[in-house]
Amino acid sequence: MCVKEKRVLVTICTMIKFLFKLFSTFPLPVLHVLGAWLGWTVYGLSASYRRKIDVHSKIACPNDEKLRLRAVYGSVKHAGMALLELPFLWGLSTQKGAAACTEISGWDVMERAHAKGKGVIFLTPHMGSFESAAQIFSTRAPITVLYRPNRNRELQEIIEGSRARDNVALAPTNMSGVKILLKALKRGEAVGMLPDQVPAWGEGVWAHMFGQPAYTMTLPGRLHQATGAAIVLAVGFRKPNGKGFCLELHEGPESLSPDPVQAATQVNAEMEKLILMRPEQYYWGYERYKAPKGLQEGQQ
C-alpha cells in the first residue's frame, strides 16, 4: 500500500471515529428513525441489494407471500437500524447497556445450561441486534465472542476497542481464537458466535438451510464434541419505538451429532426456527448462500 493510500485510510478512520462519537450522543429512538430511513434509502438505490433480499426471502417463505413481504419490509429498516445503533451500543458502559435493555426472557434456560458445568455455546443468526446480545448477557456472566478481524489496522482498533469490555472477551476466527473459546468453555463460561456466517473454505461443510445448500461452519459441533458444552439459542431483538432491546434465550438441541454435516444441518434447522419467529428482523440481504472464500472452481 502506497503512502497516499495509507493517508486516505487514516483520514477515513478519523472520520469514522468522529461520526461514532457524534452519533453516540443521540438517543436510541432517534438513531432507529434515522436508521430506518437509511435502510430504505439503500434499498431504493441498490438494485443488487433488492435482488438479494427478494431471492433470499423467497427461499425461506416460498408459500407465504404475506409473511415474505413482512420479512422484506421489516428487514430493510432493521438493517439500517443495526448500523446506526452501533455508536450507541459501543459507546455505552455495560451498566447503561443493561438499562437500554428493558427485558431478558428465558434466563432460566441459561441457569439450567450453566448448572451442567461444561460451559455454554450461544448461537444467534444475523438478526436483531446481535451486538447488544453479548453486552446484555455480560451484565450477568462473562462471555467470549467469536469475531472476524478487519484487515485494516485502524478499523480493527476501533472494532476491538468497542466490542471488548468488562466480561466480554474476543476470539478471532483462527486457531488461536478456537483455543480461546475452548479455554472459556473449560472454565464453565459462555461463548457466542453467528453460525450462519459463511466460513472460509475448509472450515465448514455444505448443509441445507431453508432447503438450499449453504456452506456452514463446523465450529459449534467441534466445540460441543470437545467439551460437552450446552447449546443455547440467543437473539437480541429490538423493541418498538427505540425502547431498547430484549435478549431472548431458548433451549438448543440436547446434543449435536458427531458427524459434521449432520451437526451443521441441526444448527441450521435451529437458526431457521429463530429466523421465522421474527423474520422482519433477519438480514435477508446477507449472502448466506455465497461460495466460501478460497473455494476453487470444481471443488463444490
C-alpha atoms as a PDB file:
ATOM      1  CA  MET A   1       0.000   0.000   0.000  1.00  0.00           C
ATOM      2  CA  CYS A   2       1.430   3.377  -1.021  1.00  0.00           C
ATOM      3  CA  VAL A   3       1.772   6.377   1.296  1.00  0.00           C
ATOM      4  CA  LYS A   4      -1.163   8.158  -0.368  1.00  0.00           C
ATOM      5  CA  GLU A   5      -3.477   5.180   0.181  1.00  0.00           C
ATOM      6  CA  LYS A   6      -2.424   4.958   3.826  1.00  0.00           C
ATOM      7  CA  ARG A   7      -3.217   8.634   4.329  1.00  0.00           C
ATOM      8  CA  VAL A   8      -6.653   8.149   2.786  1.00  0.00           C
ATOM      9  CA  LEU A   9      -7.355   5.210   5.112  1.00  0.00           C
ATOM     10  CA  VAL A  10      -6.209   7.164   8.155  1.00  0.00           C
ATOM     11  CA  THR A  11      -8.471  10.057   7.130  1.00  0.00           C
ATOM     12  CA  ILE A  12     -11.436   7.703   6.675  1.00  0.00           C
ATOM     13  CA  CYS A  13     -10.827   6.089  10.071  1.00  0.00           C
ATOM     14  CA  THR A  14     -10.587   9.514  11.706  1.00  0.00           C
ATOM     15  CA  MET A  15     -13.935  10.464  10.153  1.00  0.00           C
ATOM     16  CA  ILE A  16     -15.479   7.191  11.340  1.00  0.00           C
ATOM     17  CA  LYS A  17     -14.279   7.832  14.890  1.00  0.00           C
ATOM     18  CA  PHE A  18     -15.739  11.350  14.762  1.00  0.00           C
ATOM     19  CA  LEU A  19     -19.091  10.113  13.451  1.00  0.00           C
ATOM     20  CA  PHE A  20     -19.218   7.364  16.063  1.00  0.00           C
ATOM     21  CA  LYS A  21     -18.627   9.880  18.844  1.00  0.00           C
ATOM     22  CA  LEU A  22     -21.244  12.193  17.363  1.00  0.00           C
ATOM     23  CA  PHE A  23     -23.928   9.522  16.941  1.00  0.00           C
ATOM     24  CA  SER A  24     -23.190   8.031  20.363  1.00  0.00           C
ATOM     25  CA  THR A  25     -24.739  11.192  21.843  1.00  0.00           C
ATOM     26  CA  PHE A  26     -28.044  10.626  20.022  1.00  0.00           C
ATOM     27  CA  PRO A  27     -30.960   8.928  21.832  1.00  0.00           C
ATOM     28  CA  LEU A  28     -31.674   5.405  20.630  1.00  0.00           C
ATOM     29  CA  PRO A  29     -35.167   6.290  19.268  1.00  0.00           C
ATOM     30  CA  VAL A  30     -33.619   8.969  17.043  1.00  0.00           C
ATOM     31  CA  LEU A  31     -30.941   6.579  15.791  1.00  0.00           C
ATOM     32  CA  HIS A  32     -33.570   3.989  14.935  1.00  0.00           C
ATOM     33  CA  VAL A  33     -35.643   6.520  12.976  1.00  0.00           C
ATOM     34  CA  LEU A  34     -32.555   7.653  11.065  1.00  0.00           C
ATOM     35  CA  GLY A  35     -31.506   4.035  10.602  1.00  0.00           C
ATOM     36  CA  ALA A  36     -34.867   3.077   9.113  1.00  0.00           C
ATOM     37  CA  TRP A  37     -34.576   5.993   6.679  1.00  0.00           C
ATOM     38  CA  LEU A  38     -31.026   4.904   5.776  1.00  0.00           C
ATOM     39  CA  GLY A  39     -32.170   1.331   5.216  1.00  0.00           C
ATOM     40  CA  TRP A  40     -34.923   2.369   2.820  1.00  0.00           C
ATOM     41  CA  THR A  41     -32.553   4.727   1.002  1.00  0.00           C
ATOM     42  CA  VAL A  42     -30.030   1.950   0.353  1.00  0.00           C
ATOM     43  CA  TYR A  43     -32.839  -0.393  -0.681  1.00  0.00           C
ATOM     44  CA  GLY A  44     -34.140   2.162  -3.163  1.00  0.00           C
ATOM     45  CA  LEU A  45     -30.746   2.941  -4.666  1.00  0.00           C
ATOM     46  CA  SER A  46     -29.234  -0.542  -4.903  1.00  0.00           C
ATOM     47  CA  ALA A  47     -30.795  -2.970  -7.371  1.00  0.00           C
ATOM     48  CA  SER A  48     -28.394  -5.753  -6.350  1.00  0.00           C
ATOM     49  CA  TYR A  49     -29.369  -5.340  -2.686  1.00  0.00           C
ATOM     50  CA  ARG A  50     -33.070  -5.510  -3.575  1.00  0.00           C
ATOM     51  CA  ARG A  51     -32.426  -8.637  -5.619  1.00  0.00           C
ATOM     52  CA  LYS A  52     -30.599 -10.392  -2.755  1.00  0.00           C
ATOM     53  CA  ILE A  53     -33.382  -9.643  -0.298  1.00  0.00           C
ATOM     54  CA  ASP A  54     -36.012 -10.802  -2.771  1.00  0.00           C
ATOM     55  CA  VAL A  55     -34.230 -14.073  -3.604  1.00  0.00           C
ATOM     56  CA  HIS A  56     -33.332 -14.989  -0.016  1.00  0.00           C
ATOM     57  CA  SER A  57     -36.785 -14.201   1.373  1.00  0.00           C
ATOM     58  CA  LYS A  58     -38.435 -16.310  -1.343  1.00  0.00           C
ATOM     59  CA  ILE A  59     -36.206 -19.257  -0.419  1.00  0.00           C
ATOM     60  CA  ALA A  60     -37.345 -19.039   3.210  1.00  0.00           C
ATOM     61  CA  CYS A  61     -41.009 -18.193   2.567  1.00  0.00           C
ATOM     62  CA  PRO A  62     -41.922 -19.856  -0.732  1.00  0.00           C
ATOM     63  CA  ASN A  63     -45.603 -20.396   0.065  1.00  0.00           C
ATOM     64  CA  ASP A  64     -46.477 -17.403   2.233  1.00  0.00           C
ATOM     65  CA  GLU A  65     -46.260 -14.121   0.334  1.00  0.00           C
ATOM     66  CA  LYS A  66     -47.745 -12.135   3.216  1.00  0.00           C
ATOM     67  CA  LEU A  67     -45.042 -13.392   5.587  1.00  0.00           C
ATOM     68  CA  ARG A  68     -42.366 -12.784   2.972  1.00  0.00           C
ATOM     69  CA  LEU A  69     -43.372  -9.165   2.413  1.00  0.00           C
ATOM     70  CA  ARG A  70     -43.470  -8.593   6.158  1.00  0.00           C
ATOM     71  CA  ALA A  71     -39.956 -10.024   6.325  1.00  0.00           C
ATOM     72  CA  VAL A  72     -38.687  -7.850   3.464  1.00  0.00           C
ATOM     73  CA  TYR A  73     -40.150  -4.537   4.619  1.00  0.00           C
ATOM     74  CA  GLY A  74     -39.020  -5.083   8.194  1.00  0.00           C
ATOM     75  CA  SER A  75     -35.550  -6.250   7.231  1.00  0.00           C
ATOM     76  CA  VAL A  76     -34.904  -3.148   5.132  1.00  0.00           C
ATOM     77  CA  LYS A  77     -35.369  -0.763   8.049  1.00  0.00           C
ATOM     78  CA  HIS A  78     -33.779  -3.048  10.653  1.00  0.00           C
ATOM     79  CA  ALA A  79     -30.599  -3.295   8.582  1.00  0.00           C
ATOM     80  CA  GLY A  80     -30.256   0.489   8.751  1.00  0.00           C
ATOM     81  CA  MET A  81     -31.044   0.493  12.465  1.00  0.00           C
ATOM     82  CA  ALA A  82     -28.305  -2.085  13.041  1.00  0.00           C
ATOM     83  CA  LEU A  83     -25.723   0.234  11.527  1.00  0.00           C
ATOM     84  CA  LEU A  84     -26.721   3.468  13.255  1.00  0.00           C
ATOM     85  CA  GLU A  85     -27.222   1.885  16.684  1.00  0.00           C
ATOM     86  CA  LEU A  86     -23.584   0.729  16.768  1.00  0.00           C
ATOM     87  CA  PRO A  87     -22.261   4.058  18.143  1.00  0.00           C
ATOM     88  CA  PHE A  88     -24.926   3.892  20.864  1.00  0.00           C
ATOM     89  CA  LEU A  89     -24.048   0.315  21.815  1.00  0.00           C
ATOM     90  CA  TRP A  90     -20.290   0.612  21.513  1.00  0.00           C
ATOM     91  CA  GLY A  91     -20.233   3.928  23.334  1.00  0.00           C
ATOM     92  CA  LEU A  92     -22.088   2.668  26.408  1.00  0.00           C
ATOM     93  CA  SER A  93     -20.866   1.057  29.573  1.00  0.00           C
ATOM     94  CA  THR A  94     -22.359  -2.356  30.311  1.00  0.00           C
ATOM     95  CA  GLN A  95     -24.469  -0.788  33.046  1.00  0.00           C
ATOM     96  CA  LYS A  96     -26.082   1.679  30.642  1.00  0.00           C
ATOM     97  CA  GLY A  97     -26.418  -1.088  28.085  1.00  0.00           C
ATOM     98  CA  ALA A  98     -28.418  -3.080  30.603  1.00  0.00           C
ATOM     99  CA  ALA A  99     -30.656  -0.072  31.230  1.00  0.00           C
ATOM    100  CA  ALA A 100     -31.345   0.151  27.497  1.00  0.00           C
ATOM    101  CA  CYS A 101     -32.479  -3.470  27.561  1.00  0.00           C
ATOM    102  CA  THR A 102     -35.944  -3.493  29.034  1.00  0.00           C
ATOM    103  CA  GLU A 103     -36.341  -7.257  29.141  1.00  0.00           C
ATOM    104  CA  ILE A 104     -34.423 -10.528  29.373  1.00  0.00           C
ATOM    105  CA  SER A 105     -36.511 -13.556  28.534  1.00  0.00           C
ATOM    106  CA  GLY A 106     -35.551 -17.144  29.278  1.00  0.00           C
ATOM    107  CA  TRP A 107     -32.704 -16.643  31.741  1.00  0.00           C
ATOM    108  CA  ASP A 108     -33.744 -19.920  33.367  1.00  0.00           C
ATOM    109  CA  VAL A 109     -32.509 -21.614  30.183  1.00  0.00           C
ATOM    110  CA  MET A 110     -29.052 -20.224  30.882  1.00  0.00           C
ATOM    111  CA  GLU A 111     -29.172 -21.274  34.521  1.00  0.00           C
ATOM    112  CA  ARG A 112     -30.023 -24.868  33.612  1.00  0.00           C
ATOM    113  CA  ALA A 113     -27.304 -24.957  30.966  1.00  0.00           C
ATOM    114  CA  HIS A 114     -24.733 -23.421  33.313  1.00  0.00           C
ATOM    115  CA  ALA A 115     -25.607 -25.918  36.043  1.00  0.00           C
ATOM    116  CA  LYS A 116     -24.184 -28.715  33.892  1.00  0.00           C
ATOM    117  CA  GLY A 117     -20.752 -27.184  34.470  1.00  0.00           C
ATOM    118  CA  LYS A 118     -19.404 -27.701  30.959  1.00  0.00           C
ATOM    119  CA  GLY A 119     -19.815 -24.238  29.521  1.00  0.00           C
ATOM    120  CA  VAL A 120     -22.448 -22.853  27.178  1.00  0.00           C
ATOM    121  CA  ILE A 121     -22.353 -22.283  23.416  1.00  0.00           C
ATOM    122  CA  PHE A 122     -24.631 -19.394  22.413  1.00  0.00           C
ATOM    123  CA  LEU A 123     -25.788 -19.389  18.808  1.00  0.00           C
ATOM    124  CA  THR A 124     -27.554 -16.480  17.122  1.00  0.00           C
ATOM    125  CA  PRO A 125     -28.221 -15.769  13.435  1.00  0.00           C
ATOM    126  CA  HIS A 126     -27.698 -12.470  11.626  1.00  0.00           C
ATOM    127  CA  MET A 127     -30.830 -10.913  13.026  1.00  0.00           C
ATOM    128  CA  GLY A 128     -31.972  -8.331  15.518  1.00  0.00           C
ATOM    129  CA  SER A 129     -29.245  -6.538  17.416  1.00  0.00           C
ATOM    130  CA  PHE A 130     -26.658  -9.270  17.807  1.00  0.00           C
ATOM    131  CA  GLU A 131     -24.214  -6.620  19.025  1.00  0.00           C
ATOM    132  CA  SER A 132     -26.480  -5.962  22.016  1.00  0.00           C
ATOM    133  CA  ALA A 133     -26.914  -9.656  22.857  1.00  0.00           C
ATOM    134  CA  ALA A 134     -23.371 -10.132  24.160  1.00  0.00           C
ATOM    135  CA  GLN A 135     -23.440  -6.804  26.014  1.00  0.00           C
ATOM    136  CA  ILE A 136     -26.681  -7.632  27.778  1.00  0.00           C
ATOM    137  CA  PHE A 137     -25.523 -11.138  28.642  1.00  0.00           C
ATOM    138  CA  SER A 138     -22.228  -9.810  30.015  1.00  0.00           C
ATOM    139  CA  THR A 139     -24.042  -7.865  32.736  1.00  0.00           C
ATOM    140  CA  ARG A 140     -24.779 -11.217  34.384  1.00  0.00           C
ATOM    141  CA  ALA A 141     -21.929 -13.502  33.333  1.00  0.00           C
ATOM    142  CA  PRO A 142     -18.709 -13.457  31.281  1.00  0.00           C
ATOM    143  CA  ILE A 143     -18.849 -14.346  27.601  1.00  0.00           C
ATOM    144  CA  THR A 144     -16.258 -14.797  24.855  1.00  0.00           C
ATOM    145  CA  VAL A 145     -17.421 -13.817  21.373  1.00  0.00           C
ATOM    146  CA  LEU A 146     -16.096 -15.096  18.059  1.00  0.00           C
ATOM    147  CA  TYR A 147     -15.406 -12.320  15.544  1.00  0.00           C
ATOM    148  CA  ARG A 148     -13.754 -11.870  12.168  1.00  0.00           C
ATOM    149  CA  PRO A 149     -10.840  -9.391  12.402  1.00  0.00           C
ATOM    150  CA  ASN A 150     -10.749  -6.495   9.954  1.00  0.00           C
ATOM    151  CA  ARG A 151      -7.723  -6.405   7.668  1.00  0.00           C
ATOM    152  CA  ASN A 152      -7.370  -2.652   8.181  1.00  0.00           C
ATOM    153  CA  ARG A 153      -5.415  -1.996  11.374  1.00  0.00           C
ATOM    154  CA  GLU A 154      -7.077   1.335  12.163  1.00  0.00           C
ATOM    155  CA  LEU A 155     -10.591  -0.069  11.726  1.00  0.00           C
ATOM    156  CA  GLN A 156      -9.605  -3.150  13.702  1.00  0.00           C
ATOM    157  CA  GLU A 157      -8.574  -0.958  16.635  1.00  0.00           C
ATOM    158  CA  ILE A 158     -11.983   0.749  16.578  1.00  0.00           C
ATOM    159  CA  ILE A 159     -13.832  -2.579  16.496  1.00  0.00           C
ATOM    160  CA  GLU A 160     -11.757  -4.289  19.185  1.00  0.00           C
ATOM    161  CA  GLY A 161     -11.803  -1.254  21.442  1.00  0.00           C
ATOM    162  CA  SER A 162     -15.580  -1.008  21.158  1.00  0.00           C
ATOM    163  CA  ARG A 163     -16.518  -4.677  21.476  1.00  0.00           C
ATOM    164  CA  ALA A 164     -14.092  -5.794  24.167  1.00  0.00           C
ATOM    165  CA  ARG A 165     -15.271  -4.617  27.584  1.00  0.00           C
ATOM    166  CA  ASP A 166     -15.925  -5.858  31.101  1.00  0.00           C
ATOM    167  CA  ASN A 167     -16.993  -9.506  30.933  1.00  0.00           C
ATOM    168  CA  VAL A 168     -16.780  -9.577  27.103  1.00  0.00           C
ATOM    169  CA  ALA A 169     -13.678 -11.174  25.578  1.00  0.00           C
ATOM    170  CA  LEU A 170     -12.970 -11.566  21.868  1.00  0.00           C
ATOM    171  CA  ALA A 171     -11.766 -14.612  19.946  1.00  0.00           C
ATOM    172  CA  PRO A 172     -10.626 -14.165  16.319  1.00  0.00           C
ATOM    173  CA  THR A 173     -11.708 -16.597  13.599  1.00  0.00           C
ATOM    174  CA  ASN A 174      -8.445 -18.551  13.531  1.00  0.00           C
ATOM    175  CA  MET A 175      -6.759 -21.339  15.507  1.00  0.00           C
ATOM    176  CA  SER A 176      -5.760 -19.030  18.351  1.00  0.00           C
ATOM    177  CA  GLY A 177      -9.400 -17.972  18.597  1.00  0.00           C
ATOM    178  CA  VAL A 178     -10.558 -21.594  18.786  1.00  0.00           C
ATOM    179  CA  LYS A 179      -8.136 -22.166  21.670  1.00  0.00           C
ATOM    180  CA  ILE A 180      -9.546 -19.109  23.453  1.00  0.00           C
ATOM    181  CA  LEU A 181     -13.083 -20.476  23.056  1.00  0.00           C
ATOM    182  CA  LEU A 182     -12.073 -23.919  24.344  1.00  0.00           C
ATOM    183  CA  LYS A 183     -10.425 -22.424  27.415  1.00  0.00           C
ATOM    184  CA  ALA A 184     -13.534 -20.359  28.177  1.00  0.00           C
ATOM    185  CA  LEU A 185     -15.785 -23.423  27.897  1.00  0.00           C
ATOM    186  CA  LYS A 186     -13.489 -25.481  30.107  1.00  0.00           C
ATOM    187  CA  ARG A 187     -13.818 -22.735  32.738  1.00  0.00           C
ATOM    188  CA  GLY A 188     -17.571 -23.275  32.528  1.00  0.00           C
ATOM    189  CA  GLU A 189     -18.155 -19.929  30.797  1.00  0.00           C
ATOM    190  CA  ALA A 190     -20.208 -18.972  27.748  1.00  0.00           C
ATOM    191  CA  VAL A 191     -19.022 -18.424  24.193  1.00  0.00           C
ATOM    192  CA  GLY A 192     -21.035 -16.807  21.409  1.00  0.00           C
ATOM    193  CA  MET A 193     -20.990 -16.972  17.628  1.00  0.00           C
ATOM    194  CA  LEU A 194     -23.092 -16.427  14.500  1.00  0.00           C
ATOM    195  CA  PRO A 195     -23.291 -19.897  12.938  1.00  0.00           C
ATOM    196  CA  ASP A 196     -24.866 -18.580   9.733  1.00  0.00           C
ATOM    197  CA  GLN A 197     -21.701 -16.608   8.987  1.00  0.00           C
ATOM    198  CA  VAL A 198     -20.078 -18.183   5.931  1.00  0.00           C
ATOM    199  CA  PRO A 199     -16.653 -19.551   6.945  1.00  0.00           C
ATOM    200  CA  ALA A 200     -13.583 -19.804   4.754  1.00  0.00           C
ATOM    201  CA  TRP A 201     -13.259 -22.870   2.548  1.00  0.00           C
ATOM    202  CA  GLY A 202     -12.104 -25.861   4.593  1.00  0.00           C
ATOM    203  CA  GLU A 203     -13.672 -24.593   7.821  1.00  0.00           C
ATOM    204  CA  GLY A 204     -17.214 -25.732   7.080  1.00  0.00           C
ATOM    205  CA  VAL A 205     -19.432 -28.202   5.256  1.00  0.00           C
ATOM    206  CA  TRP A 206     -22.346 -27.946   2.861  1.00  0.00           C
ATOM    207  CA  ALA A 207     -25.614 -28.288   4.769  1.00  0.00           C
ATOM    208  CA  HIS A 208     -29.160 -27.315   3.861  1.00  0.00           C
ATOM    209  CA  MET A 209     -30.741 -24.131   5.179  1.00  0.00           C
ATOM    210  CA  PHE A 210     -34.317 -23.426   4.115  1.00  0.00           C
ATOM    211  CA  GLY A 211     -33.911 -26.277   1.640  1.00  0.00           C
ATOM    212  CA  GLN A 212     -30.853 -24.819  -0.107  1.00  0.00           C
ATOM    213  CA  PRO A 213     -27.192 -25.890   0.284  1.00  0.00           C
ATOM    214  CA  ALA A 214     -25.319 -23.359   2.397  1.00  0.00           C
ATOM    215  CA  TYR A 215     -21.674 -23.542   3.426  1.00  0.00           C
ATOM    216  CA  THR A 216     -21.899 -23.815   7.209  1.00  0.00           C
ATOM    217  CA  MET A 217     -19.268 -23.599   9.935  1.00  0.00           C
ATOM    218  CA  THR A 218     -18.471 -26.797  11.833  1.00  0.00           C
ATOM    219  CA  LEU A 219     -17.118 -24.976  14.889  1.00  0.00           C
ATOM    220  CA  PRO A 220     -20.237 -25.312  17.106  1.00  0.00           C
ATOM    221  CA  GLY A 221     -20.235 -29.085  16.650  1.00  0.00           C
ATOM    222  CA  ARG A 222     -16.491 -29.375  17.217  1.00  0.00           C
ATOM    223  CA  LEU A 223     -16.653 -27.333  20.420  1.00  0.00           C
ATOM    224  CA  HIS A 224     -19.631 -29.356  21.644  1.00  0.00           C
ATOM    225  CA  GLN A 225     -17.879 -32.660  20.973  1.00  0.00           C
ATOM    226  CA  ALA A 226     -14.672 -31.471  22.667  1.00  0.00           C
ATOM    227  CA  THR A 227     -16.285 -30.106  25.846  1.00  0.00           C
ATOM    228  CA  GLY A 228     -19.863 -31.346  26.140  1.00  0.00           C
ATOM    229  CA  ALA A 229     -20.986 -27.715  26.411  1.00  0.00           C
ATOM    230  CA  ALA A 230     -24.721 -26.993  26.373  1.00  0.00           C
ATOM    231  CA  ILE A 231     -26.275 -25.341  23.307  1.00  0.00           C
ATOM    232  CA  VAL A 232     -28.402 -22.235  23.875  1.00  0.00           C
ATOM    233  CA  LEU A 233     -30.059 -20.099  21.196  1.00  0.00           C
ATOM    234  CA  ALA A 234     -29.883 -16.358  21.825  1.00  0.00           C
ATOM    235  CA  VAL A 235     -31.247 -13.317  19.980  1.00  0.00           C
ATOM    236  CA  GLY A 236     -31.191  -9.633  20.892  1.00  0.00           C
ATOM    237  CA  PHE A 237     -34.461  -8.369  19.409  1.00  0.00           C
ATOM    238  CA  ARG A 238     -35.197  -4.655  19.039  1.00  0.00           C
ATOM    239  CA  LYS A 239     -38.203  -3.356  20.910  1.00  0.00           C
ATOM    240  CA  PRO A 240     -40.517  -0.954  19.021  1.00  0.00           C
ATOM    241  CA  ASN A 241     -40.005   2.820  19.003  1.00  0.00           C
ATOM    242  CA  GLY A 242     -36.390   2.687  20.159  1.00  0.00           C
ATOM    243  CA  LYS A 243     -37.349   1.416  23.619  1.00  0.00           C
ATOM    244  CA  GLY A 244     -34.326  -0.845  23.850  1.00  0.00           C
ATOM    245  CA  PHE A 245     -33.609  -4.490  23.306  1.00  0.00           C
ATOM    246  CA  CYS A 246     -34.937  -7.818  24.503  1.00  0.00           C
ATOM    247  CA  LEU A 247     -32.468 -10.655  24.937  1.00  0.00           C
ATOM    248  CA  GLU A 248     -34.331 -13.906  24.359  1.00  0.00           C
ATOM    249  CA  LEU A 249     -32.779 -17.245  25.301  1.00  0.00           C
ATOM    250  CA  HIS A 250     -34.108 -20.566  24.030  1.00  0.00           C
ATOM    251  CA  GLU A 251     -33.032 -24.128  24.641  1.00  0.00           C
ATOM    252  CA  GLY A 252     -30.984 -25.648  21.861  1.00  0.00           C
ATOM    253  CA  PRO A 253     -30.629 -29.316  20.975  1.00  0.00           C
ATOM    254  CA  GLU A 254     -29.528 -31.640  23.777  1.00  0.00           C
ATOM    255  CA  SER A 255     -26.601 -32.746  21.661  1.00  0.00           C
ATOM    256  CA  LEU A 256     -25.076 -32.260  18.227  1.00  0.00           C
ATOM    257  CA  SER A 257     -24.188 -35.178  16.003  1.00  0.00           C
ATOM    258  CA  PRO A 258     -20.504 -36.171  15.815  1.00  0.00           C
ATOM    259  CA  ASP A 259     -20.969 -36.159  12.042  1.00  0.00           C
ATOM    260  CA  PRO A 260     -20.035 -32.627  10.819  1.00  0.00           C
ATOM    261  CA  VAL A 261     -22.715 -32.452   8.110  1.00  0.00           C
ATOM    262  CA  GLN A 262     -25.469 -33.684  10.406  1.00  0.00           C
ATOM    263  CA  ALA A 263     -24.370 -31.294  13.170  1.00  0.00           C
ATOM    264  CA  ALA A 264     -24.326 -28.352  10.738  1.00  0.00           C
ATOM    265  CA  THR A 265     -27.782 -29.350   9.492  1.00  0.00           C
ATOM    266  CA  GLN A 266     -29.037 -29.422  13.100  1.00  0.00           C
ATOM    267  CA  VAL A 267     -27.660 -25.939  13.726  1.00  0.00           C
ATOM    268  CA  ASN A 268     -29.187 -24.580  10.507  1.00  0.00           C
ATOM    269  CA  ALA A 269     -32.573 -26.020  11.482  1.00  0.00           C
ATOM    270  CA  GLU A 270     -32.384 -24.193  14.822  1.00  0.00           C
ATOM    271  CA  MET A 271     -31.460 -20.970  13.029  1.00  0.00           C
ATOM    272  CA  GLU A 272     -34.476 -21.379  10.743  1.00  0.00           C
ATOM    273  CA  LYS A 273     -36.777 -21.577  13.772  1.00  0.00           C
ATOM    274  CA  LEU A 274     -35.313 -18.395  15.268  1.00  0.00           C
ATOM    275  CA  ILE A 275     -35.494 -16.513  11.974  1.00  0.00           C
ATOM    276  CA  LEU A 276     -39.152 -17.368  11.400  1.00  0.00           C
ATOM    277  CA  MET A 277     -40.013 -16.142  14.908  1.00  0.00           C
ATOM    278  CA  ARG A 278     -39.175 -12.577  13.805  1.00  0.00           C
ATOM    279  CA  PRO A 279     -38.483 -12.696  10.056  1.00  0.00           C
ATOM    280  CA  GLU A 280     -38.674  -8.896   9.853  1.00  0.00           C
ATOM    281  CA  GLN A 281     -35.518  -8.634  11.990  1.00  0.00           C
ATOM    282  CA  TYR A 282     -33.411 -11.039   9.940  1.00  0.00           C
ATOM    283  CA  TYR A 283     -30.914  -9.526   7.484  1.00  0.00           C
ATOM    284  CA  TRP A 284     -32.133 -11.030   4.239  1.00  0.00           C
ATOM    285  CA  GLY A 285     -29.520  -9.046   2.353  1.00  0.00           C
ATOM    286  CA  TYR A 286     -26.781 -11.160   3.953  1.00  0.00           C
ATOM    287  CA  GLU A 287     -25.253 -13.509   1.374  1.00  0.00           C
ATOM    288  CA  ARG A 288     -25.899 -16.754   3.245  1.00  0.00           C
ATOM    289  CA  TYR A 289     -25.610 -18.923   0.129  1.00  0.00           C
ATOM    290  CA  LYS A 290     -22.434 -17.428  -1.311  1.00  0.00           C
ATOM    291  CA  ALA A 291     -19.387 -19.501  -2.181  1.00  0.00           C
ATOM    292  CA  PRO A 292     -16.869 -19.511   0.680  1.00  0.00           C
ATOM    293  CA  LYS A 293     -13.613 -17.625   0.394  1.00  0.00           C
ATOM    294  CA  GLY A 294     -10.897 -19.863  -1.028  1.00  0.00           C
ATOM    295  CA  LEU A 295     -13.226 -22.184  -2.950  1.00  0.00           C
ATOM    296  CA  GLN A 296     -11.706 -23.182  -6.270  1.00  0.00           C
ATOM    297  CA  GLU A 297     -13.762 -23.942  -9.367  1.00  0.00           C
ATOM    298  CA  GLY A 298     -14.886 -27.562  -9.376  1.00  0.00           C
ATOM    299  CA  GLN A 299     -14.375 -28.111  -5.622  1.00  0.00           C
ATOM    300  CA  GLN A 300     -18.038 -27.719  -4.675  1.00  0.00           C
END
